[in-house]
Amino acid sequence: MSQEWLKKLAELSNDKGLAKRAQELQQRAERRPSAGPRHDGDRARRSLLGAVFGHFFRFLFLIGLAQAAAMFLVAQLDGLTNESLGLIFHHTVWYPLTQPIFPPEVYDLLRDWIGLTPGDLSAFYTDINKDIEQHQDLLVYAVPAGAALALTLFFLPAINAGRRRSPLRIFVYLANLAVIALAGELGDGVMAIWLAALVFSFVGGGSVRARKASPPERPSSQPQRPARPQPAAVPATAVARASRPAVVERRDPTVVRRAGGSSWIRGR
């Protein structure tokens, strides 16, 4: 039963329960939002600050997981399972900087890339050894946070291009990665490549919210849905007759037989 029909019938029959039900149906129809076609592209994109925070916590989780695995391995090898986390962290830093634990190809790559030799790594550990001993308990948590922040800032052009869905995002990704490959040859000059990638990450794309404010017009050739026919009003006399109890008219029989006799009398 439609809402209009129920409302009209409630007015004619003066039924309080029926009128209340019609009012509830009308309120539900008013609260119901207009349903329209939704598309995946209509989802509001995150702001740049939200994207930066999201990638920062992802990097922090991955770096923290790798550091925990390395500290666990070092603690098992050196028998430091009962020592503090700061001391285990100190040994974890000492190993890659002073011991040749990597294949020779890795050290050759570092030498050809940025001119770094195993002797430079050992000298660097000598410079930071005293600071690590003083703050080793704090560095367990500060180093992953600092590394995650550095990676987030380094990949900021790629993060922004992906957030805005820029048509040039593939070139921004390549330029962002080219900074790593050209760091040994260009030195500080790679900052120009990084800044150019950051500028081009703002080209194109944009937010979907502006497009949501002005929905596309429907073509005029699209057939319109016919309006639902309204039910005809119910006459008051019909409702009144329906609310009255049915009365059965009783008629006397045509021939009545007298009690105690055998004669019949026709009714008049």
C-alpha atoms as a PDB file:
ATOM      1  CA  MET A   1       0.000   0.000   0.000  1.00  0.00           C
ATOM      2  CA  SER A   2       1.481   3.331  -1.102  1.00  0.00           C
ATOM      3  CA  GLN A   3       2.043   6.283   1.174  1.00  0.00           C
ATOM      4  CA  GLU A   4      -0.545   8.536  -0.510  1.00  0.00           C
ATOM      5  CA  TRP A   5      -3.211   5.829  -0.414  1.00  0.00           C
ATOM      6  CA  LEU A   6      -2.583   5.127   3.266  1.00  0.00           C
ATOM      7  CA  LYS A   7      -2.665   8.829   4.140  1.00  0.00           C
ATOM      8  CA  LYS A   8      -5.953   9.440   2.288  1.00  0.00           C
ATOM      9  CA  LEU A   9      -7.564   6.376   3.823  1.00  0.00           C
ATOM     10  CA  ALA A  10      -6.473   7.503   7.287  1.00  0.00           C
ATOM     11  CA  GLU A  11      -8.074  10.928   6.783  1.00  0.00           C
ATOM     12  CA  LEU A  12     -11.350   9.433   5.602  1.00  0.00           C
ATOM     13  CA  SER A  13     -11.672   6.689   8.207  1.00  0.00           C
ATOM     14  CA  ASN A  14     -10.485   8.877  11.143  1.00  0.00           C
ATOM     15  CA  ASP A  15      -8.440   5.941  12.428  1.00  0.00           C
ATOM     16  CA  LYS A  16      -5.680   7.140  14.791  1.00  0.00           C
ATOM     17  CA  GLY A  17      -3.537   4.063  14.342  1.00  0.00           C
ATOM     18  CA  LEU A  18      -3.765   4.294  10.582  1.00  0.00           C
ATOM     19  CA  ALA A  19      -2.988   8.012  10.642  1.00  0.00           C
ATOM     20  CA  LYS A  20       0.078   7.397  12.823  1.00  0.00           C
ATOM     21  CA  ARG A  21       1.323   4.768  10.434  1.00  0.00           C
ATOM     22  CA  ALA A  22       0.885   7.115   7.479  1.00  0.00           C
ATOM     23  CA  GLN A  23       2.825   9.816   9.345  1.00  0.00           C
ATOM     24  CA  GLU A  24       5.691   7.408  10.083  1.00  0.00           C
ATOM     25  CA  LEU A  25       5.893   6.419   6.420  1.00  0.00           C
ATOM     26  CA  GLN A  26       6.021  10.067   5.407  1.00  0.00           C
ATOM     27  CA  GLN A  27       8.833  10.791   7.904  1.00  0.00           C
ATOM     28  CA  ARG A  28      10.853   7.830   6.640  1.00  0.00           C
ATOM     29  CA  ALA A  29      10.472   9.041   3.065  1.00  0.00           C
ATOM     30  CA  GLU A  30      11.715  12.515   4.045  1.00  0.00           C
ATOM     31  CA  ARG A  31      14.753  11.132   5.921  1.00  0.00           C
ATOM     32  CA  ARG A  32      15.745   8.818   3.105  1.00  0.00           C
ATOM     33  CA  PRO A  33      18.631  10.434   1.131  1.00  0.00           C
ATOM     34  CA  SER A  34      18.418  10.677  -2.583  1.00  0.00           C
ATOM     35  CA  ALA A  35      20.289   7.650  -3.929  1.00  0.00           C
ATOM     36  CA  GLY A  36      22.432   8.301  -6.970  1.00  0.00           C
ATOM     37  CA  PRO A  37      25.039   6.335  -8.886  1.00  0.00           C
ATOM     38  CA  ARG A  38      28.341   6.164  -7.065  1.00  0.00           C
ATOM     39  CA  HIS A  39      31.675   5.708  -8.707  1.00  0.00           C
ATOM     40  CA  ASP A  40      35.026   4.711  -7.282  1.00  0.00           C
ATOM     41  CA  GLY A  41      36.564   7.913  -8.601  1.00  0.00           C
ATOM     42  CA  ASP A  42      34.213  10.015  -6.458  1.00  0.00           C
ATOM     43  CA  ARG A  43      36.022   9.119  -3.271  1.00  0.00           C
ATOM     44  CA  ALA A  44      37.674  12.129  -1.697  1.00  0.00           C
ATOM     45  CA  ARG A  45      41.424  11.900  -1.861  1.00  0.00           C
ATOM     46  CA  ARG A  46      43.679  12.442   1.097  1.00  0.00           C
ATOM     47  CA  SER A  47      45.432  15.713   1.639  1.00  0.00           C
ATOM     48  CA  LEU A  48      49.203  15.959   1.246  1.00  0.00           C
ATOM     49  CA  LEU A  49      49.665  15.971   5.026  1.00  0.00           C
ATOM     50  CA  GLY A  50      47.570  12.820   5.397  1.00  0.00           C
ATOM     51  CA  ALA A  51      49.527  11.040   2.665  1.00  0.00           C
ATOM     52  CA  VAL A  52      52.830  12.047   4.288  1.00  0.00           C
ATOM     53  CA  PHE A  53      51.732  10.711   7.679  1.00  0.00           C
ATOM     54  CA  GLY A  54      50.506   7.469   6.112  1.00  0.00           C
ATOM     55  CA  HIS A  55      53.808   6.782   4.328  1.00  0.00           C
ATOM     56  CA  PHE A  56      55.805   7.799   7.395  1.00  0.00           C
ATOM     57  CA  PHE A  57      54.132   5.157   9.546  1.00  0.00           C
ATOM     58  CA  ARG A  58      54.550   2.547   6.814  1.00  0.00           C
ATOM     59  CA  PHE A  59      58.282   3.237   6.594  1.00  0.00           C
ATOM     60  CA  LEU A  60      58.519   3.270  10.386  1.00  0.00           C
ATOM     61  CA  PHE A  61      56.883  -0.141  10.610  1.00  0.00           C
ATOM     62  CA  LEU A  62      59.145  -1.683   7.963  1.00  0.00           C
ATOM     63  CA  ILE A  63      62.357  -0.187   9.377  1.00  0.00           C
ATOM     64  CA  GLY A  64      61.420  -1.118  12.934  1.00  0.00           C
ATOM     65  CA  LEU A  65      60.695  -4.675  11.829  1.00  0.00           C
ATOM     66  CA  ALA A  66      64.058  -4.962  10.042  1.00  0.00           C
ATOM     67  CA  GLN A  67      65.910  -3.497  13.033  1.00  0.00           C
ATOM     68  CA  ALA A  68      64.192  -5.880  15.453  1.00  0.00           C
ATOM     69  CA  ALA A  69      65.154  -8.864  13.279  1.00  0.00           C
ATOM     70  CA  ALA A  70      68.785  -7.692  13.062  1.00  0.00           C
ATOM     71  CA  MET A  71      69.010  -7.089  16.830  1.00  0.00           C
ATOM     72  CA  PHE A  72      67.548 -10.515  17.532  1.00  0.00           C
ATOM     73  CA  LEU A  73      70.103 -12.147  15.240  1.00  0.00           C
ATOM     74  CA  VAL A  74      73.023 -10.259  16.801  1.00  0.00           C
ATOM     75  CA  ALA A  75      71.833 -11.085  20.313  1.00  0.00           C
ATOM     76  CA  GLN A  76      71.721 -14.787  19.455  1.00  0.00           C
ATOM     77  CA  LEU A  77      75.185 -14.762  17.846  1.00  0.00           C
ATOM     78  CA  ASP A  78      76.967 -12.795  20.595  1.00  0.00           C
ATOM     79  CA  GLY A  79      75.060 -14.215  23.564  1.00  0.00           C
ATOM     80  CA  LEU A  80      73.448 -10.873  24.489  1.00  0.00           C
ATOM     81  CA  THR A  81      69.934 -12.123  25.058  1.00  0.00           C
ATOM     82  CA  ASN A  82      69.990 -10.982  28.715  1.00  0.00           C
ATOM     83  CA  GLU A  83      71.515  -7.561  27.995  1.00  0.00           C
ATOM     84  CA  SER A  84      69.708  -4.271  27.472  1.00  0.00           C
ATOM     85  CA  LEU A  85      68.269  -3.247  24.128  1.00  0.00           C
ATOM     86  CA  GLY A  86      70.735  -0.355  23.950  1.00  0.00           C
ATOM     87  CA  LEU A  87      73.748  -2.636  24.146  1.00  0.00           C
ATOM     88  CA  ILE A  88      72.274  -5.005  21.547  1.00  0.00           C
ATOM     89  CA  PHE A  89      71.645  -2.002  19.275  1.00  0.00           C
ATOM     90  CA  HIS A  90      75.263  -0.860  19.734  1.00  0.00           C
ATOM     91  CA  HIS A  91      76.544  -4.265  18.629  1.00  0.00           C
ATOM     92  CA  THR A  92      74.122  -4.221  15.674  1.00  0.00           C
ATOM     93  CA  VAL A  93      75.646  -0.932  14.482  1.00  0.00           C
ATOM     94  CA  TRP A  94      79.196  -2.127  15.126  1.00  0.00           C
ATOM     95  CA  TYR A  95      78.907  -5.203  12.916  1.00  0.00           C
ATOM     96  CA  PRO A  96      78.193  -3.646   9.474  1.00  0.00           C
ATOM     97  CA  LEU A  97      80.550  -0.698  10.017  1.00  0.00           C
ATOM     98  CA  THR A  98      83.617  -2.582  11.182  1.00  0.00           C
ATOM     99  CA  GLN A  99      83.249  -6.187  10.041  1.00  0.00           C
ATOM    100  CA  PRO A 100      83.249  -7.379   6.398  1.00  0.00           C
ATOM    101  CA  ILE A 101      79.902  -9.119   6.660  1.00  0.00           C
ATOM    102  CA  PHE A 102      78.758  -8.195   3.134  1.00  0.00           C
ATOM    103  CA  PRO A 103      80.005  -9.717  -0.131  1.00  0.00           C
ATOM    104  CA  PRO A 104      82.924  -7.920  -1.868  1.00  0.00           C
ATOM    105  CA  GLU A 105      80.560  -6.817  -4.657  1.00  0.00           C
ATOM    106  CA  VAL A 106      78.677  -4.628  -2.191  1.00  0.00           C
ATOM    107  CA  TYR A 107      81.834  -2.758  -1.152  1.00  0.00           C
ATOM    108  CA  ASP A 108      82.856  -2.393  -4.817  1.00  0.00           C
ATOM    109  CA  LEU A 109      79.456  -0.882  -5.581  1.00  0.00           C
ATOM    110  CA  LEU A 110      79.757   1.601  -2.709  1.00  0.00           C
ATOM    111  CA  ARG A 111      83.239   2.595  -3.899  1.00  0.00           C
ATOM    112  CA  ASP A 112      82.141   3.118  -7.502  1.00  0.00           C
ATOM    113  CA  TRP A 113      78.909   4.843  -6.557  1.00  0.00           C
ATOM    114  CA  ILE A 114      79.879   7.373  -3.887  1.00  0.00           C
ATOM    115  CA  GLY A 115      83.561   6.568  -3.301  1.00  0.00           C
ATOM    116  CA  LEU A 116      82.975   4.875   0.063  1.00  0.00           C
ATOM    117  CA  THR A 117      85.496   2.245   1.197  1.00  0.00           C
ATOM    118  CA  PRO A 118      85.538  -0.145   4.197  1.00  0.00           C
ATOM    119  CA  GLY A 119      88.132   2.111   5.819  1.00  0.00           C
ATOM    120  CA  ASP A 120      85.725   5.052   5.610  1.00  0.00           C
ATOM    121  CA  LEU A 121      83.023   2.985   7.325  1.00  0.00           C
ATOM    122  CA  SER A 122      85.376   2.031  10.141  1.00  0.00           C
ATOM    123  CA  ALA A 123      86.456   5.676  10.595  1.00  0.00           C
ATOM    124  CA  PHE A 124      82.817   6.764  10.695  1.00  0.00           C
ATOM    125  CA  TYR A 125      82.106   4.254  13.488  1.00  0.00           C
ATOM    126  CA  THR A 126      85.082   5.614  15.453  1.00  0.00           C
ATOM    127  CA  ASP A 127      83.580   9.110  15.260  1.00  0.00           C
ATOM    128  CA  ILE A 128      80.119   8.087  16.463  1.00  0.00           C
ATOM    129  CA  ASN A 129      81.127   5.413  18.972  1.00  0.00           C
ATOM    130  CA  LYS A 130      81.165   7.761  21.953  1.00  0.00           C
ATOM    131  CA  ASP A 131      77.753   9.228  21.127  1.00  0.00           C
ATOM    132  CA  ILE A 132      76.238   5.774  20.707  1.00  0.00           C
ATOM    133  CA  GLU A 133      77.518   4.697  24.128  1.00  0.00           C
ATOM    134  CA  GLN A 134      75.900   7.737  25.756  1.00  0.00           C
ATOM    135  CA  HIS A 135      72.503   7.490  24.041  1.00  0.00           C
ATOM    136  CA  GLN A 136      72.269   3.851  22.980  1.00  0.00           C
ATOM    137  CA  ASP A 137      68.988   3.237  24.857  1.00  0.00           C
ATOM    138  CA  LEU A 138      67.347   6.232  23.173  1.00  0.00           C
ATOM    139  CA  LEU A 139      68.765   5.462  19.752  1.00  0.00           C
ATOM    140  CA  VAL A 140      66.893   2.142  19.694  1.00  0.00           C
ATOM    141  CA  TYR A 141      63.717   4.150  18.997  1.00  0.00           C
ATOM    142  CA  ALA A 142      65.156   7.379  17.530  1.00  0.00           C
ATOM    143  CA  VAL A 143      67.008   5.752  14.627  1.00  0.00           C
ATOM    144  CA  PRO A 144      63.929   4.047  13.064  1.00  0.00           C
ATOM    145  CA  ALA A 145      61.898   7.264  13.451  1.00  0.00           C
ATOM    146  CA  GLY A 146      64.649   9.365  11.848  1.00  0.00           C
ATOM    147  CA  ALA A 147      65.147   6.900   9.001  1.00  0.00           C
ATOM    148  CA  ALA A 148      61.395   6.790   8.328  1.00  0.00           C
ATOM    149  CA  LEU A 149      61.228  10.581   8.263  1.00  0.00           C
ATOM    150  CA  ALA A 150      64.190  10.781   5.873  1.00  0.00           C
ATOM    151  CA  LEU A 151      62.613   8.270   3.472  1.00  0.00           C
ATOM    152  CA  THR A 152      59.273  10.099   3.593  1.00  0.00           C
ATOM    153  CA  LEU A 153      60.879  13.426   2.711  1.00  0.00           C
ATOM    154  CA  PHE A 154      62.995  11.837  -0.007  1.00  0.00           C
ATOM    155  CA  PHE A 155      59.983  10.210  -1.698  1.00  0.00           C
ATOM    156  CA  LEU A 156      57.748  13.264  -1.205  1.00  0.00           C
ATOM    157  CA  PRO A 157      57.509  13.987  -4.975  1.00  0.00           C
ATOM    158  CA  ALA A 158      56.409  10.427  -5.701  1.00  0.00           C
ATOM    159  CA  ILE A 159      53.947  10.488  -2.790  1.00  0.00           C
ATOM    160  CA  ASN A 160      52.372  13.734  -3.973  1.00  0.00           C
ATOM    161  CA  ALA A 161      52.145  12.615  -7.610  1.00  0.00           C
ATOM    162  CA  GLY A 162      50.477   9.366  -6.599  1.00  0.00           C
ATOM    163  CA  ARG A 163      48.034  11.188  -4.326  1.00  0.00           C
ATOM    164  CA  ARG A 164      46.987  13.638  -7.056  1.00  0.00           C
ATOM    165  CA  ARG A 165      47.009  10.959  -9.794  1.00  0.00           C
ATOM    166  CA  SER A 166      49.054  13.274 -11.925  1.00  0.00           C
ATOM    167  CA  PRO A 167      49.411  12.275 -15.591  1.00  0.00           C
ATOM    168  CA  LEU A 168      53.161  12.844 -15.184  1.00  0.00           C
ATOM    169  CA  ARG A 169      53.513  10.638 -12.142  1.00  0.00           C
ATOM    170  CA  ILE A 170      55.529   7.977 -13.975  1.00  0.00           C
ATOM    171  CA  PHE A 171      58.158  10.610 -14.867  1.00  0.00           C
ATOM    172  CA  VAL A 172      58.088  11.908 -11.283  1.00  0.00           C
ATOM    173  CA  TYR A 173      58.752   8.376 -10.014  1.00  0.00           C
ATOM    174  CA  LEU A 174      61.689   7.957 -12.391  1.00  0.00           C
ATOM    175  CA  ALA A 175      63.141  11.356 -11.462  1.00  0.00           C
ATOM    176  CA  ASN A 176      62.795  10.556  -7.778  1.00  0.00           C
ATOM    177  CA  LEU A 177      64.686   7.288  -8.238  1.00  0.00           C
ATOM    178  CA  ALA A 178      67.275   8.962 -10.489  1.00  0.00           C
ATOM    179  CA  VAL A 179      68.411  10.994  -7.488  1.00  0.00           C
ATOM    180  CA  ILE A 180      69.771   7.783  -5.954  1.00  0.00           C
ATOM    181  CA  ALA A 181      71.562   6.676  -9.114  1.00  0.00           C
ATOM    182  CA  LEU A 182      73.089  10.105  -9.833  1.00  0.00           C
ATOM    183  CA  ALA A 183      74.072  10.962  -6.261  1.00  0.00           C
ATOM    184  CA  GLY A 184      77.678   9.842  -6.791  1.00  0.00           C
ATOM    185  CA  GLU A 185      78.182  11.760 -10.046  1.00  0.00           C
ATOM    186  CA  LEU A 186      76.301  14.991  -9.342  1.00  0.00           C
ATOM    187  CA  GLY A 187      76.767  15.292  -5.604  1.00  0.00           C
ATOM    188  CA  ASP A 188      74.666  18.156  -4.280  1.00  0.00           C
ATOM    189  CA  GLY A 189      73.391  18.796  -7.794  1.00  0.00           C
ATOM    190  CA  VAL A 190      70.816  16.021  -7.350  1.00  0.00           C
ATOM    191  CA  MET A 191      68.808  18.479  -5.233  1.00  0.00           C
ATOM    192  CA  ALA A 192      67.826  20.245  -8.454  1.00  0.00           C
ATOM    193  CA  ILE A 193      66.399  16.976  -9.827  1.00  0.00           C
ATOM    194  CA  TRP A 194      64.495  16.386  -6.583  1.00  0.00           C
ATOM    195  CA  LEU A 195      63.021  19.903  -6.588  1.00  0.00           C
ATOM    196  CA  ALA A 196      62.012  19.567 -10.244  1.00  0.00           C
ATOM    197  CA  ALA A 197      60.272  16.266  -9.473  1.00  0.00           C
ATOM    198  CA  LEU A 198      58.444  17.916  -6.573  1.00  0.00           C
ATOM    199  CA  VAL A 199      57.240  20.796  -8.781  1.00  0.00           C
ATOM    200  CA  PHE A 200      56.027  18.463 -11.537  1.00  0.00           C
ATOM    201  CA  SER A 201      54.180  16.338  -8.969  1.00  0.00           C
ATOM    202  CA  PHE A 202      51.662  19.204  -8.628  1.00  0.00           C
ATOM    203  CA  VAL A 203      50.907  19.248 -12.364  1.00  0.00           C
ATOM    204  CA  GLY A 204      47.520  17.824 -13.366  1.00  0.00           C
ATOM    205  CA  GLY A 205      45.358  15.619 -11.226  1.00  0.00           C
ATOM    206  CA  GLY A 206      43.561  17.638  -8.599  1.00  0.00           C
ATOM    207  CA  SER A 207      40.869  16.945  -6.061  1.00  0.00           C
ATOM    208  CA  VAL A 208      37.609  15.208  -6.855  1.00  0.00           C
ATOM    209  CA  ARG A 209      35.621  17.388  -4.471  1.00  0.00           C
ATOM    210  CA  ALA A 210      35.344  20.195  -7.022  1.00  0.00           C
ATOM    211  CA  ARG A 211      33.926  17.772  -9.561  1.00  0.00           C
ATOM    212  CA  LYS A 212      31.469  16.426  -7.028  1.00  0.00           C
ATOM    213  CA  ALA A 213      30.062  19.948  -6.536  1.00  0.00           C
ATOM    214  CA  SER A 214      28.965  20.113 -10.191  1.00  0.00           C
ATOM    215  CA  PRO A 215      27.608  16.700 -11.217  1.00  0.00           C
ATOM    216  CA  PRO A 216      27.507  15.940 -14.944  1.00  0.00           C
ATOM    217  CA  GLU A 217      24.257  16.698 -16.728  1.00  0.00           C
ATOM    218  CA  ARG A 218      22.200  13.822 -18.036  1.00  0.00           C
ATOM    219  CA  PRO A 219      21.707  13.705 -21.780  1.00  0.00           C
ATOM    220  CA  SER A 220      18.309  14.903 -22.963  1.00  0.00           C
ATOM    221  CA  SER A 221      17.850  11.799 -25.124  1.00  0.00           C
ATOM    222  CA  GLN A 222      17.636   9.586 -22.054  1.00  0.00           C
ATOM    223  CA  PRO A 223      14.045   8.425 -21.543  1.00  0.00           C
ATOM    224  CA  GLN A 224      12.410   9.705 -18.388  1.00  0.00           C
ATOM    225  CA  ARG A 225      10.793   7.295 -15.980  1.00  0.00           C
ATOM    226  CA  PRO A 226       7.003   7.720 -16.059  1.00  0.00           C
ATOM    227  CA  ALA A 227       5.457   9.129 -12.932  1.00  0.00           C
ATOM    228  CA  ARG A 228       3.719   6.712 -10.651  1.00  0.00           C
ATOM    229  CA  PRO A 229      -0.075   7.040 -10.971  1.00  0.00           C
ATOM    230  CA  GLN A 230      -1.737   8.449  -7.896  1.00  0.00           C
ATOM    231  CA  PRO A 231      -4.557   6.336  -6.422  1.00  0.00           C
ATOM    232  CA  ALA A 232      -8.044   7.744  -6.734  1.00  0.00           C
ATOM    233  CA  ALA A 233      -9.648   9.258  -3.668  1.00  0.00           C
ATOM    234  CA  VAL A 234     -11.952   6.960  -1.754  1.00  0.00           C
ATOM    235  CA  PRO A 235     -15.521   8.345  -1.365  1.00  0.00           C
ATOM    236  CA  ALA A 236     -16.623   9.078   2.144  1.00  0.00           C
ATOM    237  CA  THR A 237     -19.761   6.988   1.712  1.00  0.00           C
ATOM    238  CA  ALA A 238     -17.706   3.935   0.763  1.00  0.00           C
ATOM    239  CA  VAL A 239     -15.544   4.277   3.856  1.00  0.00           C
ATOM    240  CA  ALA A 240     -18.594   4.810   6.060  1.00  0.00           C
ATOM    241  CA  ARG A 241     -20.289   1.720   4.627  1.00  0.00           C
ATOM    242  CA  ALA A 242     -17.120  -0.304   5.072  1.00  0.00           C
ATOM    243  CA  SER A 243     -16.853   0.729   8.738  1.00  0.00           C
ATOM    244  CA  ARG A 244     -20.474  -0.238   9.545  1.00  0.00           C
ATOM    245  CA  PRO A 245     -21.169  -3.778  10.746  1.00  0.00           C
ATOM    246  CA  ALA A 246     -22.954  -5.984   8.275  1.00  0.00           C
ATOM    247  CA  VAL A 247     -26.678  -6.414   9.070  1.00  0.00           C
ATOM    248  CA  VAL A 248     -28.398  -9.554   7.786  1.00  0.00           C
ATOM    249  CA  GLU A 249     -32.113  -9.035   7.061  1.00  0.00           C
ATOM    250  CA  ARG A 250     -34.240 -11.866   8.435  1.00  0.00           C
ATOM    251  CA  ARG A 251     -37.390 -12.887   6.592  1.00  0.00           C
ATOM    252  CA  ASP A 252     -40.201 -15.039   7.826  1.00  0.00           C
ATOM    253  CA  PRO A 253     -40.929 -18.272   5.980  1.00  0.00           C
ATOM    254  CA  THR A 254     -43.652 -18.237   3.404  1.00  0.00           C
ATOM    255  CA  VAL A 255     -45.660 -21.031   5.109  1.00  0.00           C
ATOM    256  CA  VAL A 256     -45.867 -21.362   8.895  1.00  0.00           C
ATOM    257  CA  ARG A 257     -46.996 -24.522  10.534  1.00  0.00           C
ATOM    258  CA  ARG A 258     -49.163 -24.235  13.629  1.00  0.00           C
ATOM    259  CA  ALA A 259     -47.943 -25.866  16.774  1.00  0.00           C
ATOM    260  CA  GLY A 260     -49.790 -29.047  17.628  1.00  0.00           C
ATOM    261  CA  GLY A 261     -51.789 -29.030  14.425  1.00  0.00           C
ATOM    262  CA  SER A 262     -51.583 -30.367  10.962  1.00  0.00           C
ATOM    263  CA  SER A 263     -52.800 -27.287   9.111  1.00  0.00           C
ATOM    264  CA  TRP A 264     -50.636 -24.753   7.282  1.00  0.00           C
ATOM    265  CA  ILE A 265     -51.126 -21.019   7.124  1.00  0.00           C
ATOM    266  CA  ARG A 266     -49.626 -18.923   4.361  1.00  0.00           C
ATOM    267  CA  GLY A 267     -47.990 -15.769   5.596  1.00  0.00           C
ATOM    268  CA  ARG A 268     -49.279 -12.416   4.492  1.00  0.00           C
END
